[in-house]
Amino acid sequence: MEVLNGQVLEWAGFRMGLEYNFLPESDIEDVNGAKVGTAKNAYLGIHIGFFVGGGKWGR
């Protein structure tokens, strides 16, 4: 199961995005297969950038 939620904003050649990913926790096991803990897999990502020429602005 994966839930991906995000938004991208573009304005005058600049691009900014924000996304949140939620994945189920993973079990951490030792070499014998015994569960020794869990790891959370959710994270928040932010990206900022720009582009020069081309794209939808270059028409």
N, C-alpha and C. Protein backbone atom coordinates (compact mmCIF):
# COMPACT_ATOMS: atom_id res chain seq x y z
N MET A 1 0.84 -1.19 0.00
CA MET A 1 0.00 0.00 0.00
C MET A 1 0.87 1.24 0.00
N GLU A 2 0.58 2.16 -0.88
CA GLU A 2 1.35 3.40 -0.94
C GLU A 2 0.40 4.56 -1.13
N VAL A 3 0.60 5.61 -0.37
CA VAL A 3 -0.17 6.83 -0.54
C VAL A 3 0.81 7.93 -0.89
N LEU A 4 0.62 8.54 -2.04
CA LEU A 4 1.48 9.62 -2.50
C LEU A 4 0.61 10.84 -2.70
N ASN A 5 0.96 11.92 -2.04
CA ASN A 5 0.18 13.13 -2.13
C ASN A 5 1.15 14.27 -2.38
N GLY A 6 0.91 15.06 -3.40
CA GLY A 6 1.84 16.14 -3.68
C GLY A 6 1.23 17.25 -4.48
N GLN A 7 1.97 18.36 -4.55
CA GLN A 7 1.53 19.53 -5.28
C GLN A 7 2.75 20.19 -5.90
N VAL A 8 2.64 20.62 -7.16
CA VAL A 8 3.71 21.33 -7.85
C VAL A 8 3.18 22.67 -8.31
N LEU A 9 3.97 23.72 -8.08
CA LEU A 9 3.60 25.07 -8.47
C LEU A 9 4.64 25.57 -9.46
N GLU A 10 4.19 26.10 -10.61
CA GLU A 10 5.08 26.68 -11.61
C GLU A 10 4.69 28.13 -11.83
N TRP A 11 5.71 29.00 -11.87
CA TRP A 11 5.45 30.41 -12.08
C TRP A 11 6.66 31.06 -12.72
N ALA A 12 6.50 31.57 -13.92
CA ALA A 12 7.54 32.33 -14.65
C ALA A 12 8.88 31.61 -14.68
N GLY A 13 8.88 30.33 -14.95
CA GLY A 13 10.14 29.58 -15.05
C GLY A 13 10.62 28.96 -13.76
N PHE A 14 9.99 29.27 -12.66
CA PHE A 14 10.36 28.68 -11.38
C PHE A 14 9.41 27.54 -11.05
N ARG A 15 9.89 26.56 -10.39
CA ARG A 15 9.10 25.39 -10.04
C ARG A 15 9.35 25.04 -8.58
N MET A 16 8.28 24.79 -7.84
CA MET A 16 8.39 24.39 -6.45
C MET A 16 7.40 23.26 -6.20
N GLY A 17 7.82 22.25 -5.47
CA GLY A 17 6.94 21.12 -5.20
C GLY A 17 7.04 20.66 -3.76
N LEU A 18 5.99 20.07 -3.31
CA LEU A 18 5.90 19.53 -1.96
C LEU A 18 5.15 18.22 -2.05
N GLU A 19 5.71 17.16 -1.49
CA GLU A 19 5.00 15.89 -1.51
C GLU A 19 5.23 15.12 -0.21
N TYR A 20 4.23 14.36 0.15
CA TYR A 20 4.29 13.54 1.35
C TYR A 20 4.05 12.10 0.93
N ASN A 21 4.94 11.22 1.33
CA ASN A 21 4.81 9.80 1.01
C ASN A 21 4.63 9.02 2.30
N PHE A 22 3.61 8.20 2.33
CA PHE A 22 3.35 7.35 3.49
C PHE A 22 3.38 5.90 3.04
N LEU A 23 4.27 5.13 3.62
CA LEU A 23 4.38 3.71 3.34
C LEU A 23 4.28 2.97 4.67
N PRO A 24 3.82 1.74 4.66
CA PRO A 24 3.74 0.98 5.91
C PRO A 24 5.13 0.79 6.54
N GLU A 25 5.16 0.62 7.85
CA GLU A 25 6.41 0.38 8.55
C GLU A 25 7.03 -0.94 8.10
N SER A 26 8.35 -1.01 8.15
CA SER A 26 9.08 -2.22 7.80
C SER A 26 9.64 -2.86 9.06
N ASP A 27 9.63 -4.17 9.10
CA ASP A 27 10.23 -4.89 10.22
C ASP A 27 11.73 -5.03 10.00
N ILE A 28 12.48 -4.83 11.06
CA ILE A 28 13.93 -5.04 11.01
C ILE A 28 14.21 -6.36 11.70
N GLU A 29 14.94 -7.23 11.00
CA GLU A 29 15.21 -8.57 11.52
C GLU A 29 16.71 -8.79 11.63
N ASP A 30 17.11 -9.62 12.60
CA ASP A 30 18.52 -10.01 12.70
C ASP A 30 18.80 -11.17 11.74
N VAL A 31 20.02 -11.67 11.73
CA VAL A 31 20.40 -12.73 10.79
C VAL A 31 19.62 -14.03 11.01
N ASN A 32 19.04 -14.20 12.18
CA ASN A 32 18.25 -15.41 12.48
C ASN A 32 16.78 -15.25 12.12
N GLY A 33 16.39 -14.05 11.66
CA GLY A 33 14.99 -13.81 11.28
C GLY A 33 14.13 -13.31 12.41
N ALA A 34 14.71 -13.05 13.59
CA ALA A 34 13.92 -12.53 14.72
C ALA A 34 13.73 -11.02 14.56
N LYS A 35 12.51 -10.57 14.81
CA LYS A 35 12.20 -9.14 14.69
C LYS A 35 12.88 -8.39 15.82
N VAL A 36 13.66 -7.36 15.47
CA VAL A 36 14.36 -6.57 16.49
C VAL A 36 13.89 -5.12 16.52
N GLY A 37 13.00 -4.74 15.61
CA GLY A 37 12.48 -3.38 15.60
C GLY A 37 11.70 -3.10 14.33
N THR A 38 11.31 -1.84 14.18
CA THR A 38 10.60 -1.39 12.99
C THR A 38 11.23 -0.11 12.48
N ALA A 39 11.00 0.18 11.22
CA ALA A 39 11.49 1.41 10.60
C ALA A 39 10.31 2.12 9.95
N LYS A 40 10.18 3.41 10.21
CA LYS A 40 9.11 4.20 9.59
C LYS A 40 9.56 4.59 8.19
N ASN A 41 8.62 4.60 7.26
CA ASN A 41 8.94 4.85 5.86
C ASN A 41 8.27 6.09 5.29
N ALA A 42 7.66 6.92 6.12
CA ALA A 42 7.00 8.12 5.64
C ALA A 42 8.01 9.27 5.59
N TYR A 43 7.87 10.13 4.59
CA TYR A 43 8.74 11.28 4.52
C TYR A 43 8.09 12.43 3.76
N LEU A 44 8.61 13.62 3.99
CA LEU A 44 8.15 14.82 3.35
C LEU A 44 9.26 15.31 2.43
N GLY A 45 8.94 15.59 1.19
CA GLY A 45 9.93 16.05 0.23
C GLY A 45 9.58 17.43 -0.31
N ILE A 46 10.58 18.30 -0.40
CA ILE A 46 10.40 19.65 -0.94
C ILE A 46 11.43 19.83 -2.04
N HIS A 47 11.02 20.32 -3.19
CA HIS A 47 11.98 20.62 -4.23
C HIS A 47 11.69 21.99 -4.83
N ILE A 48 12.77 22.69 -5.14
CA ILE A 48 12.70 24.03 -5.73
C ILE A 48 13.63 24.04 -6.93
N GLY A 49 13.21 24.62 -8.02
CA GLY A 49 14.07 24.68 -9.19
C GLY A 49 13.59 25.71 -10.19
N PHE A 50 14.29 25.76 -11.30
CA PHE A 50 13.90 26.65 -12.38
C PHE A 50 14.31 26.02 -13.70
N PHE A 51 13.75 26.50 -14.79
CA PHE A 51 14.14 26.03 -16.10
C PHE A 51 14.33 27.22 -17.02
N VAL A 52 15.20 27.04 -17.99
CA VAL A 52 15.54 28.10 -18.93
C VAL A 52 15.18 27.63 -20.33
N GLY A 53 14.31 28.35 -21.01
CA GLY A 53 13.93 28.00 -22.37
C GLY A 53 13.07 26.77 -22.44
N GLY A 54 12.46 26.55 -23.61
CA GLY A 54 11.65 25.36 -23.83
C GLY A 54 10.43 25.29 -22.93
N GLY A 55 9.93 24.08 -22.77
CA GLY A 55 8.76 23.87 -21.92
C GLY A 55 7.53 24.58 -22.46
N LYS A 56 6.54 24.72 -21.64
CA LYS A 56 5.31 25.36 -22.09
C LYS A 56 5.45 26.87 -22.27
N TRP A 57 6.53 27.44 -21.70
CA TRP A 57 6.73 28.89 -21.82
C TRP A 57 7.40 29.25 -23.15
N GLY A 58 8.02 28.30 -23.82
CA GLY A 58 8.76 28.58 -25.04
C GLY A 58 7.94 28.48 -26.32
N ARG A 59 6.67 28.41 -26.24
CA ARG A 59 5.81 28.26 -27.42
C ARG A 59 5.69 29.55 -28.19
